[in-house]
Amino acid sequence: MKGILGKKLGMTQVFTTDGKLIPVTVIGATPNVVMQKKTIETDGYEAVQLGFEDVKEQRATKAIKGHSAKAETGPKKHFREVRGNGMSEFEVGTEIKVDLFATGDVVDVTGISKGKGYSGAVKINNQALGPKTHGSRFHRSAGSIATGGTVGRVAKGTVMAGQYGGYTTTNRNLEVIGVDVDNNLILVSGNVPGPKRGLVMVKTTTKSKKHVEPVQLVDFSANEAVVEED
């Protein structure tokens, strides 16, 4: 499994040569640094720890400074592990760039969903509505939560009102539409979790199909050049 840390920059759209419009999310992934390698012999599993986004020396703890010094790099703000042996060829201190992925690769993108505040059980868990008639006084309430054979206690996982959003979630089976190495950008089909500038992890999909036929995009810069020549 391959992976890289980045930030969700926003959404736009691109066009294929056959006239199809594809909505895409733009992910900015400045070079990640391999901070640590974990092996079965020393840690019981295989993984590569990545560091992303520089942080000022005075804002980093001694622990982070020491950890970063082993990789001969500056302190980083975010650290994440990519499990498996898919990146075992990278040594500590190596920079991981967006060309780790290619157009047509199928990926999973993990991030923290947008927080939407405190909401009722109807909105959060699609609980059924009560009678809509006047006087019922039970339209969108949670109702009884400890009845039947529960011996007077609330069972785990009971549908209730609470915080909506703000949890780690993954959008799977997304296609890499384009990779811009010069600007450290990855274009992924569809939407990904989180707000703009939110931290995301792009990893090889867990689905069986890891690659599809790349789409051919319209090159508008070439068209502009032709117009200027005319």
C-alpha atoms as a PDB file:
ATOM      1  CA  MET A   1       0.000   0.000   0.000  1.00  0.00           C
ATOM      2  CA  LYS A   2       1.253   3.484  -0.916  1.00  0.00           C
ATOM      3  CA  GLY A   3       0.225   6.710   0.777  1.00  0.00           C
ATOM      4  CA  ILE A   4       0.891  10.435   1.047  1.00  0.00           C
ATOM      5  CA  LEU A   5      -0.363  13.219   3.313  1.00  0.00           C
ATOM      6  CA  GLY A   6      -1.862  16.383   1.859  1.00  0.00           C
ATOM      7  CA  LYS A   7      -4.450  19.109   2.247  1.00  0.00           C
ATOM      8  CA  LYS A   8      -7.805  19.451   0.532  1.00  0.00           C
ATOM      9  CA  LEU A   9      -7.599  22.701  -1.452  1.00  0.00           C
ATOM     10  CA  GLY A  10     -11.084  22.663  -2.965  1.00  0.00           C
ATOM     11  CA  MET A  11     -13.071  21.331  -5.910  1.00  0.00           C
ATOM     12  CA  THR A  12     -13.131  22.130  -9.613  1.00  0.00           C
ATOM     13  CA  GLN A  13     -13.961  20.374 -12.870  1.00  0.00           C
ATOM     14  CA  VAL A  14     -12.028  19.047 -15.840  1.00  0.00           C
ATOM     15  CA  PHE A  15     -13.062  17.908 -19.298  1.00  0.00           C
ATOM     16  CA  THR A  16     -12.051  14.813 -21.231  1.00  0.00           C
ATOM     17  CA  THR A  17     -11.300  14.825 -24.955  1.00  0.00           C
ATOM     18  CA  ASP A  18     -14.607  13.062 -25.621  1.00  0.00           C
ATOM     19  CA  GLY A  19     -16.572  15.892 -23.956  1.00  0.00           C
ATOM     20  CA  LYS A  20     -17.193  14.381 -20.528  1.00  0.00           C
ATOM     21  CA  LEU A  21     -17.147  16.658 -17.452  1.00  0.00           C
ATOM     22  CA  ILE A  22     -15.487  15.208 -14.337  1.00  0.00           C
ATOM     23  CA  PRO A  23     -15.808  16.906 -10.916  1.00  0.00           C
ATOM     24  CA  VAL A  24     -12.494  16.633  -9.082  1.00  0.00           C
ATOM     25  CA  THR A  25     -11.008  17.513  -5.709  1.00  0.00           C
ATOM     26  CA  VAL A  26      -7.606  19.221  -5.722  1.00  0.00           C
ATOM     27  CA  ILE A  27      -5.243  17.905  -3.040  1.00  0.00           C
ATOM     28  CA  GLY A  28      -2.032  19.785  -2.306  1.00  0.00           C
ATOM     29  CA  ALA A  29       0.708  17.437  -1.117  1.00  0.00           C
ATOM     30  CA  THR A  30       4.060  19.105  -0.579  1.00  0.00           C
ATOM     31  CA  PRO A  31       6.873  16.525  -0.231  1.00  0.00           C
ATOM     32  CA  ASN A  32       6.404  14.184   2.724  1.00  0.00           C
ATOM     33  CA  VAL A  33       9.467  12.906   4.577  1.00  0.00           C
ATOM     34  CA  VAL A  34       9.949   9.336   5.789  1.00  0.00           C
ATOM     35  CA  MET A  35      10.435   9.883   9.527  1.00  0.00           C
ATOM     36  CA  GLN A  36      10.626   6.258  10.664  1.00  0.00           C
ATOM     37  CA  LYS A  37      10.455   2.702   9.346  1.00  0.00           C
ATOM     38  CA  LYS A  38       8.833  -0.018  11.411  1.00  0.00           C
ATOM     39  CA  THR A  39       9.579  -3.694  10.857  1.00  0.00           C
ATOM     40  CA  ILE A  40       8.213  -6.998  12.080  1.00  0.00           C
ATOM     41  CA  GLU A  41      11.462  -7.710  13.939  1.00  0.00           C
ATOM     42  CA  THR A  42      11.445  -4.505  15.998  1.00  0.00           C
ATOM     43  CA  ASP A  43       7.787  -3.432  16.118  1.00  0.00           C
ATOM     44  CA  GLY A  44       5.728  -6.489  15.198  1.00  0.00           C
ATOM     45  CA  TYR A  45       4.422  -4.979  11.956  1.00  0.00           C
ATOM     46  CA  GLU A  46       5.626  -3.212   8.824  1.00  0.00           C
ATOM     47  CA  ALA A  47       4.932   0.479   8.291  1.00  0.00           C
ATOM     48  CA  VAL A  48       6.421   3.767   7.165  1.00  0.00           C
ATOM     49  CA  GLN A  49       5.828   6.930   9.187  1.00  0.00           C
ATOM     50  CA  LEU A  50       5.434  10.105   7.131  1.00  0.00           C
ATOM     51  CA  GLY A  51       5.921  13.694   8.272  1.00  0.00           C
ATOM     52  CA  PHE A  52       4.057  16.527   6.568  1.00  0.00           C
ATOM     53  CA  GLU A  53       4.110  20.333   6.746  1.00  0.00           C
ATOM     54  CA  ASP A  54       7.018  22.182   8.324  1.00  0.00           C
ATOM     55  CA  VAL A  55       6.608  23.862  11.694  1.00  0.00           C
ATOM     56  CA  LYS A  56       8.806  26.563  13.238  1.00  0.00           C
ATOM     57  CA  GLU A  57      11.549  25.357  15.576  1.00  0.00           C
ATOM     58  CA  GLN A  58      10.256  27.437  18.486  1.00  0.00           C
ATOM     59  CA  ARG A  59       6.811  25.874  18.161  1.00  0.00           C
ATOM     60  CA  ALA A  60       8.021  22.274  18.196  1.00  0.00           C
ATOM     61  CA  THR A  61       8.531  20.162  21.302  1.00  0.00           C
ATOM     62  CA  LYS A  62      11.882  18.610  22.166  1.00  0.00           C
ATOM     63  CA  ALA A  63      10.479  15.177  21.364  1.00  0.00           C
ATOM     64  CA  ILE A  64       9.457  16.228  17.832  1.00  0.00           C
ATOM     65  CA  LYS A  65      12.799  17.993  17.272  1.00  0.00           C
ATOM     66  CA  GLY A  66      14.704  14.869  18.317  1.00  0.00           C
ATOM     67  CA  HIS A  67      12.511  12.616  16.230  1.00  0.00           C
ATOM     68  CA  SER A  68      12.936  14.838  13.181  1.00  0.00           C
ATOM     69  CA  ALA A  69      16.694  15.066  13.641  1.00  0.00           C
ATOM     70  CA  LYS A  70      16.977  11.295  13.102  1.00  0.00           C
ATOM     71  CA  ALA A  71      15.504  11.822   9.630  1.00  0.00           C
ATOM     72  CA  GLU A  72      17.778  14.842   9.065  1.00  0.00           C
ATOM     73  CA  THR A  73      14.824  17.156   8.475  1.00  0.00           C
ATOM     74  CA  GLY A  74      13.038  19.987  10.252  1.00  0.00           C
ATOM     75  CA  PRO A  75      10.146  19.526  12.693  1.00  0.00           C
ATOM     76  CA  LYS A  76       6.851  18.464  11.127  1.00  0.00           C
ATOM     77  CA  LYS A  77       3.292  19.267  12.100  1.00  0.00           C
ATOM     78  CA  HIS A  78       1.562  16.033  11.087  1.00  0.00           C
ATOM     79  CA  PHE A  79       2.661  12.399  11.383  1.00  0.00           C
ATOM     80  CA  ARG A  80       0.863   9.380   9.935  1.00  0.00           C
ATOM     81  CA  GLU A  81       1.748   5.745   9.283  1.00  0.00           C
ATOM     82  CA  VAL A  82       1.213   3.800   6.070  1.00  0.00           C
ATOM     83  CA  ARG A  83       1.063   0.130   6.958  1.00  0.00           C
ATOM     84  CA  GLY A  84       2.286  -2.723   4.797  1.00  0.00           C
ATOM     85  CA  ASN A  85       5.411  -3.207   2.702  1.00  0.00           C
ATOM     86  CA  GLY A  86       4.297  -1.098  -0.265  1.00  0.00           C
ATOM     87  CA  MET A  87       6.769   1.668   0.649  1.00  0.00           C
ATOM     88  CA  SER A  88       9.515  -0.421   2.190  1.00  0.00           C
ATOM     89  CA  GLU A  89      12.009   0.690  -0.482  1.00  0.00           C
ATOM     90  CA  PHE A  90      12.019   4.244   0.919  1.00  0.00           C
ATOM     91  CA  GLU A  91      14.648   4.918   3.563  1.00  0.00           C
ATOM     92  CA  VAL A  92      14.421   7.308   6.517  1.00  0.00           C
ATOM     93  CA  GLY A  93      14.852  10.897   5.317  1.00  0.00           C
ATOM     94  CA  THR A  94      13.558  10.210   1.797  1.00  0.00           C
ATOM     95  CA  GLU A  95      11.095  12.703   0.326  1.00  0.00           C
ATOM     96  CA  ILE A  96       7.807  11.316  -0.988  1.00  0.00           C
ATOM     97  CA  LYS A  97       6.259  13.416  -3.780  1.00  0.00           C
ATOM     98  CA  VAL A  98       2.956  13.325  -5.629  1.00  0.00           C
ATOM     99  CA  ASP A  99       4.498  11.251  -8.447  1.00  0.00           C
ATOM    100  CA  LEU A 100       4.109   8.328  -6.043  1.00  0.00           C
ATOM    101  CA  PHE A 101       0.701   8.040  -7.734  1.00  0.00           C
ATOM    102  CA  ALA A 102      -0.058   8.047 -11.444  1.00  0.00           C
ATOM    103  CA  THR A 103      -3.101   8.957 -13.489  1.00  0.00           C
ATOM    104  CA  GLY A 104      -5.553   6.077 -13.410  1.00  0.00           C
ATOM    105  CA  ASP A 105      -4.616   4.812  -9.930  1.00  0.00           C
ATOM    106  CA  VAL A 106      -7.570   4.041  -7.656  1.00  0.00           C
ATOM    107  CA  VAL A 107      -7.218   5.450  -4.138  1.00  0.00           C
ATOM    108  CA  ASP A 108      -8.973   5.827  -0.786  1.00  0.00           C
ATOM    109  CA  VAL A 109      -8.931   9.282   0.821  1.00  0.00           C
ATOM    110  CA  THR A 110      -9.277   9.605   4.601  1.00  0.00           C
ATOM    111  CA  GLY A 111     -10.044  12.835   6.447  1.00  0.00           C
ATOM    112  CA  ILE A 112     -12.102  14.363   9.249  1.00  0.00           C
ATOM    113  CA  SER A 113     -15.616  15.208   8.092  1.00  0.00           C
ATOM    114  CA  LYS A 114     -17.057  18.689   8.494  1.00  0.00           C
ATOM    115  CA  GLY A 115     -18.547  19.313  11.925  1.00  0.00           C
ATOM    116  CA  LYS A 116     -22.245  20.268  11.772  1.00  0.00           C
ATOM    117  CA  GLY A 117     -22.966  20.866  15.448  1.00  0.00           C
ATOM    118  CA  TYR A 118     -25.504  19.254  17.756  1.00  0.00           C
ATOM    119  CA  SER A 119     -28.379  17.580  15.892  1.00  0.00           C
ATOM    120  CA  GLY A 120     -31.335  15.353  16.644  1.00  0.00           C
ATOM    121  CA  ALA A 121     -31.657  11.608  16.102  1.00  0.00           C
ATOM    122  CA  VAL A 122     -33.822  12.072  13.000  1.00  0.00           C
ATOM    123  CA  LYS A 123     -31.050  13.897  11.144  1.00  0.00           C
ATOM    124  CA  ILE A 124     -28.092  11.932  12.517  1.00  0.00           C
ATOM    125  CA  ASN A 125     -29.445   8.370  12.365  1.00  0.00           C
ATOM    126  CA  ASN A 126     -32.511   8.675  10.132  1.00  0.00           C
ATOM    127  CA  GLN A 127     -34.829   7.774  13.020  1.00  0.00           C
ATOM    128  CA  ALA A 128     -38.511   7.480  12.091  1.00  0.00           C
ATOM    129  CA  LEU A 129     -40.775  10.453  12.781  1.00  0.00           C
ATOM    130  CA  GLY A 130     -43.609  10.276  15.286  1.00  0.00           C
ATOM    131  CA  PRO A 131     -47.267  11.094  14.501  1.00  0.00           C
ATOM    132  CA  LYS A 132     -47.611  14.392  12.654  1.00  0.00           C
ATOM    133  CA  THR A 133     -51.091  15.170  13.989  1.00  0.00           C
ATOM    134  CA  HIS A 134     -51.788  18.063  16.348  1.00  0.00           C
ATOM    135  CA  GLY A 135     -51.559  17.167  19.990  1.00  0.00           C
ATOM    136  CA  SER A 136     -49.279  14.142  19.618  1.00  0.00           C
ATOM    137  CA  ARG A 137     -46.367  16.087  21.167  1.00  0.00           C
ATOM    138  CA  PHE A 138     -44.042  13.438  19.717  1.00  0.00           C
ATOM    139  CA  HIS A 139     -42.751  14.504  16.303  1.00  0.00           C
ATOM    140  CA  ARG A 140     -38.948  14.330  16.315  1.00  0.00           C
ATOM    141  CA  SER A 141     -38.163  13.212  19.869  1.00  0.00           C
ATOM    142  CA  ALA A 142     -35.982  10.202  20.660  1.00  0.00           C
ATOM    143  CA  GLY A 143     -38.733   8.405  22.582  1.00  0.00           C
ATOM    144  CA  SER A 144     -38.110   5.776  25.261  1.00  0.00           C
ATOM    145  CA  ILE A 145     -34.511   4.548  25.304  1.00  0.00           C
ATOM    146  CA  ALA A 146     -34.581   1.863  28.021  1.00  0.00           C
ATOM    147  CA  THR A 147     -37.635  -0.329  27.568  1.00  0.00           C
ATOM    148  CA  GLY A 148     -38.272  -4.007  27.062  1.00  0.00           C
ATOM    149  CA  GLY A 149     -35.758  -6.527  28.337  1.00  0.00           C
ATOM    150  CA  THR A 150     -32.924  -4.084  28.983  1.00  0.00           C
ATOM    151  CA  VAL A 151     -33.414  -4.288  32.758  1.00  0.00           C
ATOM    152  CA  GLY A 152     -33.597  -0.522  33.074  1.00  0.00           C
ATOM    153  CA  ARG A 153     -30.373   0.404  31.339  1.00  0.00           C
ATOM    154  CA  VAL A 154     -29.556   2.068  28.010  1.00  0.00           C
ATOM    155  CA  ALA A 155     -27.956  -0.310  25.511  1.00  0.00           C
ATOM    156  CA  LYS A 156     -24.760   0.662  23.717  1.00  0.00           C
ATOM    157  CA  GLY A 157     -25.339   2.212  20.302  1.00  0.00           C
ATOM    158  CA  THR A 158     -28.834   3.466  21.110  1.00  0.00           C
ATOM    159  CA  VAL A 159     -30.030   6.091  18.641  1.00  0.00           C
ATOM    160  CA  MET A 160     -29.849   9.510  20.305  1.00  0.00           C
ATOM    161  CA  ALA A 161     -29.225  13.149  19.543  1.00  0.00           C
ATOM    162  CA  GLY A 162     -25.619  14.303  19.588  1.00  0.00           C
ATOM    163  CA  GLN A 163     -22.692  15.769  17.711  1.00  0.00           C
ATOM    164  CA  TYR A 164     -23.018  15.513  13.937  1.00  0.00           C
ATOM    165  CA  GLY A 165     -19.852  15.293  11.840  1.00  0.00           C
ATOM    166  CA  GLY A 166     -16.280  15.833  12.949  1.00  0.00           C
ATOM    167  CA  TYR A 167     -15.298  12.154  12.750  1.00  0.00           C
ATOM    168  CA  THR A 168     -12.693  10.292  10.716  1.00  0.00           C
ATOM    169  CA  THR A 169     -14.178   8.898   7.525  1.00  0.00           C
ATOM    170  CA  THR A 170     -12.927   7.486   4.228  1.00  0.00           C
ATOM    171  CA  ASN A 171     -14.150   7.924   0.668  1.00  0.00           C
ATOM    172  CA  ARG A 172     -13.149   4.803  -1.245  1.00  0.00           C
ATOM    173  CA  ASN A 173     -12.579   3.845  -4.851  1.00  0.00           C
ATOM    174  CA  LEU A 174     -11.675   7.307  -6.186  1.00  0.00           C
ATOM    175  CA  GLU A 175      -9.733   7.667  -9.417  1.00  0.00           C
ATOM    176  CA  VAL A 176      -6.614   9.807  -9.771  1.00  0.00           C
ATOM    177  CA  ILE A 177      -7.474  12.068 -12.717  1.00  0.00           C
ATOM    178  CA  GLY A 178      -4.241  14.038 -12.843  1.00  0.00           C
ATOM    179  CA  VAL A 179      -0.887  14.549 -11.111  1.00  0.00           C
ATOM    180  CA  ASP A 180       0.967  17.899 -11.240  1.00  0.00           C
ATOM    181  CA  VAL A 181       4.485  17.299  -9.951  1.00  0.00           C
ATOM    182  CA  ASP A 182       5.634  20.903 -10.452  1.00  0.00           C
ATOM    183  CA  ASN A 183       2.868  22.303  -8.218  1.00  0.00           C
ATOM    184  CA  ASN A 184       2.564  19.267  -5.861  1.00  0.00           C
ATOM    185  CA  LEU A 185      -1.086  18.650  -6.765  1.00  0.00           C
ATOM    186  CA  ILE A 186      -3.218  15.522  -7.114  1.00  0.00           C
ATOM    187  CA  LEU A 187      -6.628  15.640  -8.817  1.00  0.00           C
ATOM    188  CA  VAL A 188      -9.020  13.004  -7.485  1.00  0.00           C
ATOM    189  CA  SER A 189     -12.442  12.262  -8.947  1.00  0.00           C
ATOM    190  CA  GLY A 190     -15.441  13.204  -6.814  1.00  0.00           C
ATOM    191  CA  ASN A 191     -15.383  14.614  -3.295  1.00  0.00           C
ATOM    192  CA  VAL A 192     -13.234  13.821  -0.263  1.00  0.00           C
ATOM    193  CA  PRO A 193     -13.935  14.293   3.469  1.00  0.00           C
ATOM    194  CA  GLY A 194     -13.280  17.507   5.326  1.00  0.00           C
ATOM    195  CA  PRO A 195     -13.277  21.278   4.821  1.00  0.00           C
ATOM    196  CA  LYS A 196     -10.899  23.299   2.668  1.00  0.00           C
ATOM    197  CA  ARG A 197      -7.325  23.106   3.959  1.00  0.00           C
ATOM    198  CA  GLY A 198      -8.278  19.999   5.930  1.00  0.00           C
ATOM    199  CA  LEU A 199      -5.665  17.256   6.366  1.00  0.00           C
ATOM    200  CA  VAL A 200      -6.224  14.140   4.229  1.00  0.00           C
ATOM    201  CA  MET A 201      -4.405  10.877   3.634  1.00  0.00           C
ATOM    202  CA  VAL A 202      -4.355   9.489   0.088  1.00  0.00           C
ATOM    203  CA  LYS A 203      -3.686   5.744   0.020  1.00  0.00           C
ATOM    204  CA  THR A 204      -3.918   2.879  -2.426  1.00  0.00           C
ATOM    205  CA  THR A 205      -7.466   1.534  -2.330  1.00  0.00           C
ATOM    206  CA  THR A 206      -8.305  -1.573  -0.357  1.00  0.00           C
ATOM    207  CA  LYS A 207     -10.559  -2.689  -3.206  1.00  0.00           C
ATOM    208  CA  SER A 208      -9.337  -5.316  -5.654  1.00  0.00           C
ATOM    209  CA  LYS A 209      -9.124  -2.953  -8.640  1.00  0.00           C
ATOM    210  CA  LYS A 210      -6.041  -0.775  -8.111  1.00  0.00           C
ATOM    211  CA  HIS A 211      -5.766   0.856 -11.545  1.00  0.00           C
ATOM    212  CA  VAL A 212      -8.065   1.843 -14.411  1.00  0.00           C
ATOM    213  CA  GLU A 213      -7.510   3.202 -17.902  1.00  0.00           C
ATOM    214  CA  PRO A 214      -6.420   6.864 -17.539  1.00  0.00           C
ATOM    215  CA  VAL A 215      -8.739   9.490 -19.015  1.00  0.00           C
ATOM    216  CA  GLN A 216      -7.462  11.936 -21.619  1.00  0.00           C
ATOM    217  CA  LEU A 217      -7.998  15.529 -20.510  1.00  0.00           C
ATOM    218  CA  VAL A 218      -8.419  18.590 -22.712  1.00  0.00           C
ATOM    219  CA  ASP A 219      -5.265  20.736 -22.717  1.00  0.00           C
ATOM    220  CA  PHE A 220      -6.617  24.277 -22.699  1.00  0.00           C
ATOM    221  CA  SER A 221      -3.124  25.813 -22.675  1.00  0.00           C
ATOM    222  CA  ALA A 222      -2.441  24.257 -26.077  1.00  0.00           C
ATOM    223  CA  ASN A 223      -5.690  25.703 -27.419  1.00  0.00           C
ATOM    224  CA  GLU A 224      -4.743  29.171 -26.163  1.00  0.00           C
ATOM    225  CA  ALA A 225      -1.389  28.935 -27.939  1.00  0.00           C
ATOM    226  CA  VAL A 226      -3.140  28.123 -31.233  1.00  0.00           C
ATOM    227  CA  VAL A 227      -5.452  31.136 -30.820  1.00  0.00           C
ATOM    228  CA  GLU A 228      -2.496  33.479 -30.204  1.00  0.00           C
ATOM    229  CA  GLU A 229      -0.736  32.247 -33.349  1.00  0.00           C
ATOM    230  CA  ASP A 230      -3.854  32.941 -35.426  1.00  0.00           C
END
